[in-house]
PDB file of N, CA and C in Angstrom:
ATOM      1  N   MET A   1       0.842  -1.169   0.000  1.00  0.00           N
ATOM      2  CA  MET A   1       0.000   0.000   0.000  1.00  0.00           C
ATOM      3  C   MET A   1       0.895   1.243   0.000  1.00  0.00           C
ATOM      4  N   LYS A   2       0.512   2.252  -0.784  1.00  0.00           N
ATOM      5  CA  LYS A   2       1.302   3.477  -0.880  1.00  0.00           C
ATOM      6  C   LYS A   2       1.075   4.366   0.329  1.00  0.00           C
ATOM      7  N   ALA A   3       2.109   5.045   0.727  1.00  0.00           N
ATOM      8  CA  ALA A   3       1.985   6.030   1.798  1.00  0.00           C
ATOM      9  C   ALA A   3       1.352   7.286   1.236  1.00  0.00           C
ATOM     10  N   LYS A   4       0.584   7.973   2.054  1.00  0.00           N
ATOM     11  CA  LYS A   4      -0.072   9.201   1.595  1.00  0.00           C
ATOM     12  C   LYS A   4       0.962  10.277   1.336  1.00  0.00           C
ATOM     13  N   SER A   5       0.715  11.044   0.317  1.00  0.00           N
ATOM     14  CA  SER A   5       1.608  12.134  -0.045  1.00  0.00           C
ATOM     15  C   SER A   5       1.480  13.272   0.964  1.00  0.00           C
ATOM     16  N   ASN A   6       2.557  14.001   1.172  1.00  0.00           N
ATOM     17  CA  ASN A   6       2.546  15.135   2.096  1.00  0.00           C
ATOM     18  C   ASN A   6       2.105  16.429   1.416  1.00  0.00           C
ATOM     19  N   VAL A   7       1.681  16.359   0.161  1.00  0.00           N
ATOM     20  CA  VAL A   7       1.259  17.543  -0.582  1.00  0.00           C
ATOM     21  C   VAL A   7      -0.125  17.950  -0.093  1.00  0.00           C
ATOM     22  N   SER A   8      -0.277  19.209   0.280  1.00  0.00           N
ATOM     23  CA  SER A   8      -1.586  19.667   0.731  1.00  0.00           C
ATOM     24  C   SER A   8      -2.514  19.823  -0.461  1.00  0.00           C
ATOM     25  N   SER A   9      -3.823  19.818  -0.196  1.00  0.00           N
ATOM     26  CA  SER A   9      -4.817  19.829  -1.265  1.00  0.00           C
ATOM     27  C   SER A   9      -4.852  21.149  -2.033  1.00  0.00           C
ATOM     28  N   ASP A  10      -4.330  22.246  -1.474  1.00  0.00           N
ATOM     29  CA  ASP A  10      -4.392  23.526  -2.175  1.00  0.00           C
ATOM     30  C   ASP A  10      -3.142  23.814  -3.009  1.00  0.00           C
ATOM     31  N   ASP A  11      -2.162  22.919  -2.993  1.00  0.00           N
ATOM     32  CA  ASP A  11      -0.962  23.100  -3.814  1.00  0.00           C
ATOM     33  C   ASP A  11      -1.172  22.451  -5.173  1.00  0.00           C
ATOM     34  N   MET A  12      -0.773  23.160  -6.212  1.00  0.00           N
ATOM     35  CA  MET A  12      -0.884  22.598  -7.562  1.00  0.00           C
ATOM     36  C   MET A  12       0.408  21.892  -7.920  1.00  0.00           C
ATOM     37  N   ARG A  13       0.285  20.866  -8.699  1.00  0.00           N
ATOM     38  CA  ARG A  13       1.470  20.179  -9.189  1.00  0.00           C
ATOM     39  C   ARG A  13       2.192  21.067 -10.181  1.00  0.00           C
ATOM     40  N   ALA A  14       3.457  20.801 -10.388  1.00  0.00           N
ATOM     41  CA  ALA A  14       4.279  21.616 -11.282  1.00  0.00           C
ATOM     42  C   ALA A  14       3.754  21.601 -12.711  1.00  0.00           C
ATOM     43  N   GLU A  15       3.202  20.463 -13.163  1.00  0.00           N
ATOM     44  CA  GLU A  15       2.715  20.389 -14.550  1.00  0.00           C
ATOM     45  C   GLU A  15       1.458  21.226 -14.780  1.00  0.00           C
ATOM     46  N   TYR A  16       0.858  21.730 -13.701  1.00  0.00           N
ATOM     47  CA  TYR A  16      -0.308  22.581 -13.820  1.00  0.00           C
ATOM     48  C   TYR A  16       0.034  24.045 -13.577  1.00  0.00           C
ATOM     49  N   ASP A  17       1.235  24.421 -13.852  1.00  0.00           N
ATOM     50  CA  ASP A  17       1.667  25.799 -13.662  1.00  0.00           C
ATOM     51  C   ASP A  17       1.242  26.607 -14.883  1.00  0.00           C
ATOM     52  N   PHE A  18       0.145  27.366 -14.766  1.00  0.00           N
ATOM     53  CA  PHE A  18      -0.394  28.121 -15.891  1.00  0.00           C
ATOM     54  C   PHE A  18       0.272  29.477 -16.014  1.00  0.00           C
ATOM     55  N   ASP A  19       0.511  29.890 -17.245  1.00  0.00           N
ATOM     56  CA  ASP A  19       1.065  31.211 -17.510  1.00  0.00           C
ATOM     57  C   ASP A  19      -0.085  32.103 -17.961  1.00  0.00           C
ATOM     58  N   TYR A  20      -0.692  32.790 -17.017  1.00  0.00           N
ATOM     59  CA  TYR A  20      -1.863  33.609 -17.318  1.00  0.00           C
ATOM     60  C   TYR A  20      -1.526  34.862 -18.127  1.00  0.00           C
ATOM     61  N   SER A  21      -0.259  35.179 -18.282  1.00  0.00           N
ATOM     62  CA  SER A  21       0.110  36.335 -19.094  1.00  0.00           C
ATOM     63  C   SER A  21      -0.155  36.064 -20.573  1.00  0.00           C
ATOM     64  N   LYS A  22      -0.256  34.787 -20.942  1.00  0.00           N
ATOM     65  CA  LYS A  22      -0.525  34.421 -22.341  1.00  0.00           C
ATOM     66  C   LYS A  22      -1.998  34.088 -22.577  1.00  0.00           C
ATOM     67  N   ALA A  23      -2.800  34.182 -21.548  1.00  0.00           N
ATOM     68  CA  ALA A  23      -4.218  33.854 -21.661  1.00  0.00           C
ATOM     69  C   ALA A  23      -4.945  34.919 -22.489  1.00  0.00           C
ATOM     70  N   VAL A  24      -5.977  34.499 -23.200  1.00  0.00           N
ATOM     71  CA  VAL A  24      -6.780  35.405 -24.012  1.00  0.00           C
ATOM     72  C   VAL A  24      -8.206  35.367 -23.485  1.00  0.00           C
ATOM     73  N   ARG A  25      -8.702  36.507 -23.054  1.00  0.00           N
ATOM     74  CA  ARG A  25     -10.057  36.575 -22.527  1.00  0.00           C
ATOM     75  C   ARG A  25     -11.067  36.462 -23.665  1.00  0.00           C
ATOM     76  N   GLY A  26     -12.048  35.599 -23.490  1.00  0.00           N
ATOM     77  CA  GLY A  26     -13.106  35.452 -24.487  1.00  0.00           C
ATOM     78  C   GLY A  26     -12.661  34.784 -25.770  1.00  0.00           C
ATOM     79  N   LYS A  27     -11.657  33.956 -25.711  1.00  0.00           N
ATOM     80  CA  LYS A  27     -11.093  33.321 -26.906  1.00  0.00           C
ATOM     81  C   LYS A  27     -12.148  32.538 -27.693  1.00  0.00           C
ATOM     82  N   TYR A  28     -13.034  31.859 -27.004  1.00  0.00           N
ATOM     83  CA  TYR A  28     -14.033  31.017 -27.672  1.00  0.00           C
ATOM     84  C   TYR A  28     -15.427  31.633 -27.653  1.00  0.00           C
ATOM     85  N   TYR A  29     -15.525  32.887 -27.278  1.00  0.00           N
ATOM     86  CA  TYR A  29     -16.814  33.551 -27.143  1.00  0.00           C
ATOM     87  C   TYR A  29     -17.605  33.559 -28.453  1.00  0.00           C
ATOM     88  N   ARG A  30     -16.984  34.004 -29.526  1.00  0.00           N
ATOM     89  CA  ARG A  30     -17.689  34.081 -30.819  1.00  0.00           C
ATOM     90  C   ARG A  30     -18.113  32.698 -31.303  1.00  0.00           C
ATOM     91  N   ARG A  31     -17.260  31.704 -31.097  1.00  0.00           N
ATOM     92  CA  ARG A  31     -17.609  30.347 -31.523  1.00  0.00           C
ATOM     93  C   ARG A  31     -18.809  29.831 -30.748  1.00  0.00           C
ATOM     94  N   LEU A  32     -18.863  30.122 -29.457  1.00  0.00           N
ATOM     95  CA  LEU A  32     -20.002  29.701 -28.663  1.00  0.00           C
ATOM     96  C   LEU A  32     -21.285  30.383 -29.122  1.00  0.00           C
ATOM     97  N   LEU A  33     -21.187  31.652 -29.476  1.00  0.00           N
ATOM     98  CA  LEU A  33     -22.361  32.351 -29.985  1.00  0.00           C
ATOM     99  C   LEU A  33     -22.821  31.757 -31.307  1.00  0.00           C
ATOM    100  N   LYS A  34     -21.868  31.441 -32.162  1.00  0.00           N
ATOM    101  CA  LYS A  34     -22.184  30.893 -33.485  1.00  0.00           C
ATOM    102  C   LYS A  34     -22.793  29.497 -33.380  1.00  0.00           C
ATOM    103  N   GLU A  35     -22.153  28.631 -32.595  1.00  0.00           N
ATOM    104  CA  GLU A  35     -22.602  27.249 -32.490  1.00  0.00           C
ATOM    105  C   GLU A  35     -23.748  27.094 -31.508  1.00  0.00           C
ATOM    106  N   GLY A  36     -23.833  28.005 -30.594  1.00  0.00           N
ATOM    107  CA  GLY A  36     -24.857  27.916 -29.563  1.00  0.00           C
ATOM    108  C   GLY A  36     -24.415  26.992 -28.446  1.00  0.00           C
ATOM    109  N   ALA A  37     -24.534  27.449 -27.266  1.00  0.00           N
ATOM    110  CA  ALA A  37     -24.178  26.644 -26.107  1.00  0.00           C
ATOM    111  C   ALA A  37     -25.261  26.819 -25.057  1.00  0.00           C
ATOM    112  N   ASN A  38     -26.169  25.877 -25.011  1.00  0.00           N
ATOM    113  CA  ASN A  38     -27.248  25.933 -24.035  1.00  0.00           C
ATOM    114  C   ASN A  38     -26.938  24.950 -22.925  1.00  0.00           C
ATOM    115  N   VAL A  39     -26.735  25.466 -21.758  1.00  0.00           N
ATOM    116  CA  VAL A  39     -26.482  24.631 -20.595  1.00  0.00           C
ATOM    117  C   VAL A  39     -27.693  24.752 -19.689  1.00  0.00           C
ATOM    118  N   VAL A  40     -28.240  23.616 -19.335  1.00  0.00           N
ATOM    119  CA  VAL A  40     -29.403  23.588 -18.465  1.00  0.00           C
ATOM    120  C   VAL A  40     -29.037  22.751 -17.252  1.00  0.00           C
ATOM    121  N   VAL A  41     -29.291  23.287 -16.083  1.00  0.00           N
ATOM    122  CA  VAL A  41     -29.013  22.556 -14.851  1.00  0.00           C
ATOM    123  C   VAL A  41     -30.335  22.002 -14.334  1.00  0.00           C
ATOM    124  N   LEU A  42     -30.379  20.691 -14.197  1.00  0.00           N
ATOM    125  CA  LEU A  42     -31.593  20.027 -13.729  1.00  0.00           C
ATOM    126  C   LEU A  42     -31.615  19.977 -12.211  1.00  0.00           C
ATOM    127  N   ASP A  43     -32.783  20.064 -11.645  1.00  0.00           N
ATOM    128  CA  ASP A  43     -32.932  19.859 -10.213  1.00  0.00           C
ATOM    129  C   ASP A  43     -32.560  18.413  -9.897  1.00  0.00           C
ATOM    130  N   PRO A  44     -32.044  18.159  -8.709  1.00  0.00           N
ATOM    131  CA  PRO A  44     -31.578  16.812  -8.370  1.00  0.00           C
ATOM    132  C   PRO A  44     -32.629  15.716  -8.561  1.00  0.00           C
ATOM    133  N   ASP A  45     -33.888  15.995  -8.198  1.00  0.00           N
ATOM    134  CA  ASP A  45     -34.916  14.969  -8.347  1.00  0.00           C
ATOM    135  C   ASP A  45     -35.183  14.649  -9.816  1.00  0.00           C
ATOM    136  N   VAL A  46     -35.096  15.641 -10.678  1.00  0.00           N
ATOM    137  CA  VAL A  46     -35.282  15.417 -12.118  1.00  0.00           C
ATOM    138  C   VAL A  46     -34.073  14.685 -12.688  1.00  0.00           C
ATOM    139  N   ALA A  47     -32.884  15.068 -12.278  1.00  0.00           N
ATOM    140  CA  ALA A  47     -31.661  14.437 -12.772  1.00  0.00           C
ATOM    141  C   ALA A  47     -31.620  12.952 -12.426  1.00  0.00           C
ATOM    142  N   ARG A  48     -32.151  12.570 -11.262  1.00  0.00           N
ATOM    143  CA  ARG A  48     -32.167  11.155 -10.880  1.00  0.00           C
ATOM    144  C   ARG A  48     -33.046  10.316 -11.798  1.00  0.00           C
ATOM    145  N   ALA A  49     -33.997  10.947 -12.467  1.00  0.00           N
ATOM    146  CA  ALA A  49     -34.920  10.209 -13.338  1.00  0.00           C
ATOM    147  C   ALA A  49     -34.289   9.833 -14.674  1.00  0.00           C
ATOM    148  N   PHE A  50     -33.164  10.426 -15.019  1.00  0.00           N
ATOM    149  CA  PHE A  50     -32.534  10.183 -16.312  1.00  0.00           C
ATOM    150  C   PHE A  50     -31.131   9.634 -16.129  1.00  0.00           C
ATOM    151  N   ARG A  51     -30.769   8.644 -16.970  1.00  0.00           N
ATOM    152  CA  ARG A  51     -29.450   8.026 -16.848  1.00  0.00           C
ATOM    153  C   ARG A  51     -28.380   8.761 -17.635  1.00  0.00           C
ATOM    154  N   SER A  52     -28.783   9.601 -18.601  1.00  0.00           N
ATOM    155  CA  SER A  52     -27.800  10.304 -19.425  1.00  0.00           C
ATOM    156  C   SER A  52     -28.448  11.524 -20.069  1.00  0.00           C
ATOM    157  N   SER A  53     -27.609  12.350 -20.694  1.00  0.00           N
ATOM    158  CA  SER A  53     -28.154  13.515 -21.403  1.00  0.00           C
ATOM    159  C   SER A  53     -28.954  13.072 -22.624  1.00  0.00           C
ATOM    160  N   ALA A  54     -28.584  11.947 -23.211  1.00  0.00           N
ATOM    161  CA  ALA A  54     -29.346  11.421 -24.355  1.00  0.00           C
ATOM    162  C   ALA A  54     -30.769  11.061 -23.927  1.00  0.00           C
ATOM    163  N   ALA A  55     -30.916  10.519 -22.728  1.00  0.00           N
ATOM    164  CA  ALA A  55     -32.244  10.180 -22.218  1.00  0.00           C
ATOM    165  C   ALA A  55     -33.083  11.431 -21.991  1.00  0.00           C
ATOM    166  N   VAL A  56     -32.453  12.486 -21.502  1.00  0.00           N
ATOM    167  CA  VAL A  56     -33.155  13.759 -21.308  1.00  0.00           C
ATOM    168  C   VAL A  56     -33.610  14.304 -22.654  1.00  0.00           C
ATOM    169  N   ASN A  57     -32.716  14.290 -23.647  1.00  0.00           N
ATOM    170  CA  ASN A  57     -33.071  14.773 -24.984  1.00  0.00           C
ATOM    171  C   ASN A  57     -34.207  13.963 -25.590  1.00  0.00           C
ATOM    172  N   GLU A  58     -34.165  12.657 -25.427  1.00  0.00           N
ATOM    173  CA  GLU A  58     -35.227  11.793 -25.964  1.00  0.00           C
ATOM    174  C   GLU A  58     -36.569  12.127 -25.315  1.00  0.00           C
ATOM    175  N   ALA A  59     -36.576  12.321 -24.010  1.00  0.00           N
ATOM    176  CA  ALA A  59     -37.812  12.650 -23.306  1.00  0.00           C
ATOM    177  C   ALA A  59     -38.348  14.012 -23.743  1.00  0.00           C
ATOM    178  N   LEU A  60     -37.464  14.982 -23.897  1.00  0.00           N
ATOM    179  CA  LEU A  60     -37.903  16.320 -24.323  1.00  0.00           C
ATOM    180  C   LEU A  60     -38.435  16.303 -25.751  1.00  0.00           C
ATOM    181  N   ARG A  61     -37.784  15.558 -26.637  1.00  0.00           N
ATOM    182  CA  ARG A  61     -38.283  15.451 -28.018  1.00  0.00           C
ATOM    183  C   ARG A  61     -39.657  14.806 -28.055  1.00  0.00           C
ATOM    184  N   SER A  62     -39.841  13.787 -27.239  1.00  0.00           N
ATOM    185  CA  SER A  62     -41.131  13.123 -27.153  1.00  0.00           C
ATOM    186  C   SER A  62     -42.203  14.090 -26.651  1.00  0.00           C
ATOM    187  N   LEU A  63     -41.860  14.872 -25.647  1.00  0.00           N
ATOM    188  CA  LEU A  63     -42.788  15.868 -25.116  1.00  0.00           C
ATOM    189  C   LEU A  63     -43.134  16.923 -26.167  1.00  0.00           C
ATOM    190  N   LEU A  64     -42.132  17.375 -26.923  1.00  0.00           N
ATOM    191  CA  LEU A  64     -42.391  18.346 -27.988  1.00  0.00           C
ATOM    192  C   LEU A  64     -43.301  17.773 -29.067  1.00  0.00           C
ATOM    193  N   LYS A  65     -43.061  16.532 -29.434  1.00  0.00           N
ATOM    194  CA  LYS A  65     -43.894  15.882 -30.457  1.00  0.00           C
ATOM    195  C   LYS A  65     -45.339  15.782 -29.971  1.00  0.00           C
ATOM    196  N   MET A  66     -45.520  15.397 -28.711  1.00  0.00           N
ATOM    197  CA  MET A  66     -46.857  15.294 -28.127  1.00  0.00           C
ATOM    198  C   MET A  66     -47.515  16.672 -28.055  1.00  0.00           C
ATOM    199  N   SER A  67     -46.747  17.678 -27.709  1.00  0.00           N
ATOM    200  CA  SER A  67     -47.267  19.033 -27.617  1.00  0.00           C
ATOM    201  C   SER A  67     -47.741  19.535 -28.980  1.00  0.00           C
ATOM    202  N   GLU A  68     -46.952  19.254 -30.016  1.00  0.00           N
ATOM    203  CA  GLU A  68     -47.344  19.668 -31.364  1.00  0.00           C
ATOM    204  C   GLU A  68     -48.626  18.976 -31.801  1.00  0.00           C
ATOM    205  N   ALA A  69     -48.745  17.690 -31.524  1.00  0.00           N
ATOM    206  CA  ALA A  69     -49.946  16.946 -31.890  1.00  0.00           C
ATOM    207  C   ALA A  69     -51.160  17.482 -31.135  1.00  0.00           C
ATOM    208  N   THR A  70     -50.997  17.788 -29.866  1.00  0.00           N
ATOM    209  CA  THR A  70     -52.091  18.317 -29.057  1.00  0.00           C
ATOM    210  C   THR A  70     -52.489  19.710 -29.525  1.00  0.00           C
ATOM    211  N   ARG A  71     -51.492  20.512 -29.889  1.00  0.00           N
ATOM    212  CA  ARG A  71     -51.774  21.865 -30.368  1.00  0.00           C
ATOM    213  C   ARG A  71     -52.603  21.815 -31.651  1.00  0.00           C
ATOM    214  N   ARG A  72     -52.269  20.874 -32.542  1.00  0.00           N
ATOM    215  CA  ARG A  72     -53.031  20.741 -33.785  1.00  0.00           C
ATOM    216  C   ARG A  72     -54.468  20.341 -33.496  1.00  0.00           C
ATOM    217  N   LEU A  73     -54.658  19.407 -32.564  1.00  0.00           N
ATOM    218  CA  LEU A  73     -56.011  18.984 -32.216  1.00  0.00           C
ATOM    219  C   LEU A  73     -56.798  20.122 -31.598  1.00  0.00           C
ATOM    220  N   THR A  74     -56.173  20.883 -30.739  1.00  0.00           N
ATOM    221  CA  THR A  74     -56.836  21.989 -30.068  1.00  0.00           C
ATOM    222  C   THR A  74     -57.223  23.086 -31.048  1.00  0.00           C
ATOM    223  N   SER A  75     -56.326  23.398 -31.987  1.00  0.00           N
ATOM    224  CA  SER A  75     -56.636  24.471 -32.924  1.00  0.00           C
ATOM    225  C   SER A  75     -57.764  24.070 -33.869  1.00  0.00           C
ATOM    226  N   ARG A  76     -57.863  22.791 -34.239  1.00  0.00           N
ATOM    227  CA  ARG A  76     -58.961  22.341 -35.099  1.00  0.00           C
ATOM    228  C   ARG A  76     -60.290  22.400 -34.372  1.00  0.00           C
ATOM    229  N   SER A  77     -60.308  21.883 -33.166  1.00  0.00           N
ATOM    230  CA  SER A  77     -61.565  21.843 -32.435  1.00  0.00           C
ATOM    231  C   SER A  77     -61.931  23.219 -31.876  1.00  0.00           C
ATOM    232  N   GLY A  78     -60.942  24.088 -31.698  1.00  0.00           N
ATOM    233  CA  GLY A  78     -61.195  25.419 -31.168  1.00  0.00           C
ATOM    234  C   GLY A  78     -62.084  26.242 -32.079  1.00  0.00           C
ATOM    235  N   GLY A  79     -61.943  26.093 -33.381  1.00  0.00           N
ATOM    236  CA  GLY A  79     -62.765  26.835 -34.314  1.00  0.00           C
ATOM    237  C   GLY A  79     -64.214  26.437 -34.242  1.00  0.00           C
ATOM    238  N   ARG A  80     -64.461  25.142 -34.103  1.00  0.00           N
ATOM    239  CA  ARG A  80     -65.840  24.653 -34.009  1.00  0.00           C
ATOM    240  C   ARG A  80     -66.469  25.073 -32.685  1.00  0.00           C
ATOM    241  N   ALA A  81     -65.705  25.018 -31.628  1.00  0.00           N
ATOM    242  CA  ALA A  81     -66.247  25.366 -30.313  1.00  0.00           C
ATOM    243  C   ALA A  81     -66.589  26.859 -30.260  1.00  0.00           C
ATOM    244  N   ALA A  82     -65.777  27.687 -30.898  1.00  0.00           N
ATOM    245  CA  ALA A  82     -66.049  29.127 -30.898  1.00  0.00           C
ATOM    246  C   ALA A  82     -67.321  29.436 -31.656  1.00  0.00           C
ATOM    247  N   SER A  83     -67.557  28.743 -32.765  1.00  0.00           N
ATOM    248  CA  SER A  83     -68.762  29.020 -33.534  1.00  0.00           C
ATOM    249  C   SER A  83     -70.002  28.473 -32.834  1.00  0.00           C
ATOM    250  N   ALA A  84     -69.837  27.443 -32.048  1.00  0.00           N
ATOM    251  CA  ALA A  84     -70.973  26.858 -31.332  1.00  0.00           C
ATOM    252  C   ALA A  84     -71.432  27.743 -30.186  1.00  0.00           C
ATOM    253  N   ARG A  85     -70.524  28.605 -29.680  1.00  0.00           N
ATOM    254  CA  ARG A  85     -70.876  29.474 -28.565  1.00  0.00           C
ATOM    255  C   ARG A  85     -71.762  30.634 -28.973  1.00  0.00           C
ATOM    256  N   ARG A  86     -71.804  30.957 -30.224  1.00  0.00           N
ATOM    257  CA  ARG A  86     -72.564  32.146 -30.670  1.00  0.00           C
ATOM    258  C   ARG A  86     -74.023  31.977 -30.599  1.00  0.00           C
TER     259      ARG A  86
END
């Protein structure tokens, strides 16, 4: 078994020595705007219901498809119901 290292948790290793003088602010900003980056944070109870982001996308697509079908039904029957009220 290995002995624990004496390095404290707030010390960075030498290979992670960043040179912030060469950093560019907003380097990927335009690309993110162009490609779109939508980040959604799910509540913990909702996140537990899905095993992956693909499952979340599948559920949302299914909901959108159902919503579109319901909207079409409502708009068709809405015209008849409005004329019946007169």
